[in-house]
Amino acid sequence: MNFGQSVGFLCFLISLYILWQLRQLLLLIFTAIIFSVVLNRLVNKLKKFKPLKNFIDGKKIQLS
């Protein structure tokens, strides 16, 4: 191995060590992204499903 390859390998090992130290943060960010995507899809489906709003509007009409 020449000097350039040794420096490259050392930088690779240092970057792996830094990523290993940040693994909890990276997992938390990944989980947050997954959770937000799932929540967004659920909210979009609930926007299309409006029987509760119709029920509440119907009760307001009957009460007045």
N, C-alpha and C. Protein backbone atom coordinates (compact mmCIF):
# COMPACT_ATOMS: atom_id res chain seq x y z
N MET A 1 0.85 -1.18 0.00
CA MET A 1 0.00 0.00 0.00
C MET A 1 0.89 1.24 0.00
N ASN A 2 0.59 2.19 -0.87
CA ASN A 2 1.36 3.42 -0.89
C ASN A 2 0.74 4.44 0.07
N PHE A 3 1.35 5.61 0.13
CA PHE A 3 0.91 6.62 1.09
C PHE A 3 -0.51 7.10 0.82
N GLY A 4 -0.88 7.31 -0.43
CA GLY A 4 -2.22 7.77 -0.76
C GLY A 4 -3.30 6.78 -0.36
N GLN A 5 -3.05 5.52 -0.60
CA GLN A 5 -4.02 4.49 -0.21
C GLN A 5 -4.14 4.39 1.31
N SER A 6 -3.01 4.57 2.00
CA SER A 6 -3.05 4.52 3.47
C SER A 6 -3.86 5.67 4.04
N VAL A 7 -3.69 6.86 3.49
CA VAL A 7 -4.45 8.02 3.96
C VAL A 7 -5.94 7.84 3.65
N GLY A 8 -6.25 7.32 2.48
CA GLY A 8 -7.64 7.07 2.11
C GLY A 8 -8.29 6.05 3.02
N PHE A 9 -7.56 4.98 3.33
CA PHE A 9 -8.08 3.96 4.22
C PHE A 9 -8.27 4.51 5.63
N LEU A 10 -7.35 5.34 6.10
CA LEU A 10 -7.47 5.97 7.42
C LEU A 10 -8.68 6.89 7.46
N CYS A 11 -8.89 7.67 6.42
CA CYS A 11 -10.08 8.54 6.36
C CYS A 11 -11.37 7.72 6.36
N PHE A 12 -11.35 6.61 5.67
CA PHE A 12 -12.52 5.73 5.64
C PHE A 12 -12.81 5.18 7.04
N LEU A 13 -11.77 4.75 7.75
CA LEU A 13 -11.96 4.24 9.11
C LEU A 13 -12.46 5.33 10.05
N ILE A 14 -11.95 6.53 9.91
CA ILE A 14 -12.40 7.64 10.76
C ILE A 14 -13.86 7.96 10.48
N SER A 15 -14.25 7.95 9.20
CA SER A 15 -15.65 8.24 8.88
C SER A 15 -16.58 7.15 9.40
N LEU A 16 -16.14 5.89 9.34
CA LEU A 16 -16.95 4.82 9.91
C LEU A 16 -17.10 4.98 11.43
N TYR A 17 -16.03 5.38 12.09
CA TYR A 17 -16.08 5.59 13.54
C TYR A 17 -17.06 6.72 13.89
N ILE A 18 -17.02 7.80 13.12
CA ILE A 18 -17.93 8.94 13.36
C ILE A 18 -19.38 8.51 13.13
N LEU A 19 -19.62 7.77 12.06
CA LEU A 19 -20.99 7.29 11.80
C LEU A 19 -21.45 6.34 12.90
N TRP A 20 -20.55 5.53 13.41
CA TRP A 20 -20.91 4.62 14.50
C TRP A 20 -21.28 5.39 15.75
N GLN A 21 -20.61 6.48 16.01
CA GLN A 21 -20.91 7.31 17.16
C GLN A 21 -22.25 8.04 16.98
N LEU A 22 -22.62 8.33 15.76
CA LEU A 22 -23.85 9.06 15.48
C LEU A 22 -25.02 8.13 15.12
N ARG A 23 -24.87 6.84 15.34
CA ARG A 23 -25.89 5.89 14.89
C ARG A 23 -27.24 6.15 15.54
N GLN A 24 -27.28 6.52 16.81
CA GLN A 24 -28.56 6.79 17.47
C GLN A 24 -29.26 7.97 16.82
N LEU A 25 -28.51 9.01 16.53
CA LEU A 25 -29.09 10.18 15.87
C LEU A 25 -29.59 9.83 14.47
N LEU A 26 -28.81 9.06 13.74
CA LEU A 26 -29.23 8.67 12.39
C LEU A 26 -30.48 7.79 12.44
N LEU A 27 -30.56 6.87 13.40
CA LEU A 27 -31.75 6.05 13.54
C LEU A 27 -32.96 6.88 13.93
N LEU A 28 -32.75 7.86 14.78
CA LEU A 28 -33.85 8.74 15.19
C LEU A 28 -34.36 9.56 14.01
N ILE A 29 -33.47 10.07 13.19
CA ILE A 29 -33.87 10.84 12.01
C ILE A 29 -34.62 9.94 11.03
N PHE A 30 -34.11 8.73 10.80
CA PHE A 30 -34.78 7.79 9.91
C PHE A 30 -36.18 7.45 10.42
N THR A 31 -36.31 7.20 11.71
CA THR A 31 -37.61 6.89 12.30
C THR A 31 -38.56 8.06 12.17
N ALA A 32 -38.06 9.27 12.36
CA ALA A 32 -38.91 10.46 12.24
C ALA A 32 -39.42 10.62 10.81
N ILE A 33 -38.58 10.34 9.84
CA ILE A 33 -39.01 10.45 8.44
C ILE A 33 -40.08 9.42 8.13
N ILE A 34 -39.87 8.18 8.56
CA ILE A 34 -40.86 7.12 8.33
C ILE A 34 -42.18 7.47 9.02
N PHE A 35 -42.11 7.94 10.26
CA PHE A 35 -43.31 8.30 11.01
C PHE A 35 -44.07 9.44 10.33
N SER A 36 -43.34 10.44 9.83
CA SER A 36 -44.01 11.57 9.18
C SER A 36 -44.68 11.15 7.88
N VAL A 37 -44.07 10.24 7.13
CA VAL A 37 -44.68 9.76 5.88
C VAL A 37 -45.96 8.99 6.18
N VAL A 38 -45.92 8.12 7.19
CA VAL A 38 -47.11 7.35 7.54
C VAL A 38 -48.21 8.26 8.05
N LEU A 39 -47.86 9.22 8.89
CA LEU A 39 -48.84 10.16 9.42
C LEU A 39 -49.44 11.02 8.32
N ASN A 40 -48.64 11.42 7.36
CA ASN A 40 -49.13 12.21 6.24
C ASN A 40 -50.15 11.43 5.42
N ARG A 41 -49.86 10.16 5.16
CA ARG A 41 -50.81 9.34 4.41
C ARG A 41 -52.11 9.15 5.18
N LEU A 42 -52.01 8.96 6.48
CA LEU A 42 -53.21 8.81 7.30
C LEU A 42 -54.06 10.08 7.30
N VAL A 43 -53.42 11.22 7.41
CA VAL A 43 -54.15 12.48 7.40
C VAL A 43 -54.81 12.72 6.04
N ASN A 44 -54.12 12.39 4.97
CA ASN A 44 -54.72 12.55 3.64
C ASN A 44 -55.94 11.66 3.47
N LYS A 45 -55.89 10.44 4.01
CA LYS A 45 -57.07 9.57 3.93
C LYS A 45 -58.19 10.11 4.79
N LEU A 46 -57.89 10.66 5.94
CA LEU A 46 -58.92 11.22 6.80
C LEU A 46 -59.55 12.48 6.20
N LYS A 47 -58.78 13.23 5.41
CA LYS A 47 -59.34 14.40 4.74
C LYS A 47 -60.42 14.00 3.75
N LYS A 48 -60.21 12.87 3.07
CA LYS A 48 -61.18 12.40 2.09
C LYS A 48 -62.40 11.78 2.74
N PHE A 49 -62.26 11.29 3.95
CA PHE A 49 -63.33 10.59 4.67
C PHE A 49 -63.97 11.59 5.63
N LYS A 50 -65.19 12.08 5.30
CA LYS A 50 -65.80 13.17 6.07
C LYS A 50 -67.20 12.86 6.61
N PRO A 51 -67.50 11.66 7.04
CA PRO A 51 -68.86 11.46 7.57
C PRO A 51 -69.07 12.15 8.90
N LEU A 52 -68.02 12.32 9.70
CA LEU A 52 -68.16 12.99 10.99
C LEU A 52 -68.54 14.45 10.78
N LYS A 53 -67.94 15.09 9.80
CA LYS A 53 -68.29 16.48 9.51
C LYS A 53 -69.74 16.59 9.05
N ASN A 54 -70.17 15.68 8.21
CA ASN A 54 -71.56 15.68 7.76
C ASN A 54 -72.50 15.41 8.92
N PHE A 55 -72.11 14.54 9.83
CA PHE A 55 -72.92 14.24 11.00
C PHE A 55 -73.06 15.46 11.90
N ILE A 56 -71.96 16.17 12.11
CA ILE A 56 -72.00 17.37 12.95
C ILE A 56 -72.83 18.46 12.28
N ASP A 57 -72.67 18.64 10.97
CA ASP A 57 -73.45 19.64 10.25
C ASP A 57 -74.94 19.29 10.31
N GLY A 58 -75.26 18.01 10.21
CA GLY A 58 -76.66 17.59 10.28
C GLY A 58 -77.25 17.85 11.65
N LYS A 59 -76.49 17.65 12.69
CA LYS A 59 -76.98 17.93 14.04
C LYS A 59 -77.20 19.42 14.25
N LYS A 60 -76.36 20.25 13.67
CA LYS A 60 -76.53 21.70 13.80
C LYS A 60 -77.82 22.14 13.11
N ILE A 61 -78.12 21.55 12.00
CA ILE A 61 -79.34 21.90 11.28
C ILE A 61 -80.57 21.46 12.07
N GLN A 62 -80.49 20.28 12.68
CA GLN A 62 -81.63 19.78 13.44
C GLN A 62 -81.85 20.58 14.72
N LEU A 63 -80.79 21.10 15.32
CA LEU A 63 -80.92 21.85 16.56
C LEU A 63 -81.43 23.26 16.34
N SER A 64 -81.22 23.81 15.16
CA SER A 64 -81.64 25.21 14.95
C SER A 64 -83.01 25.32 14.37
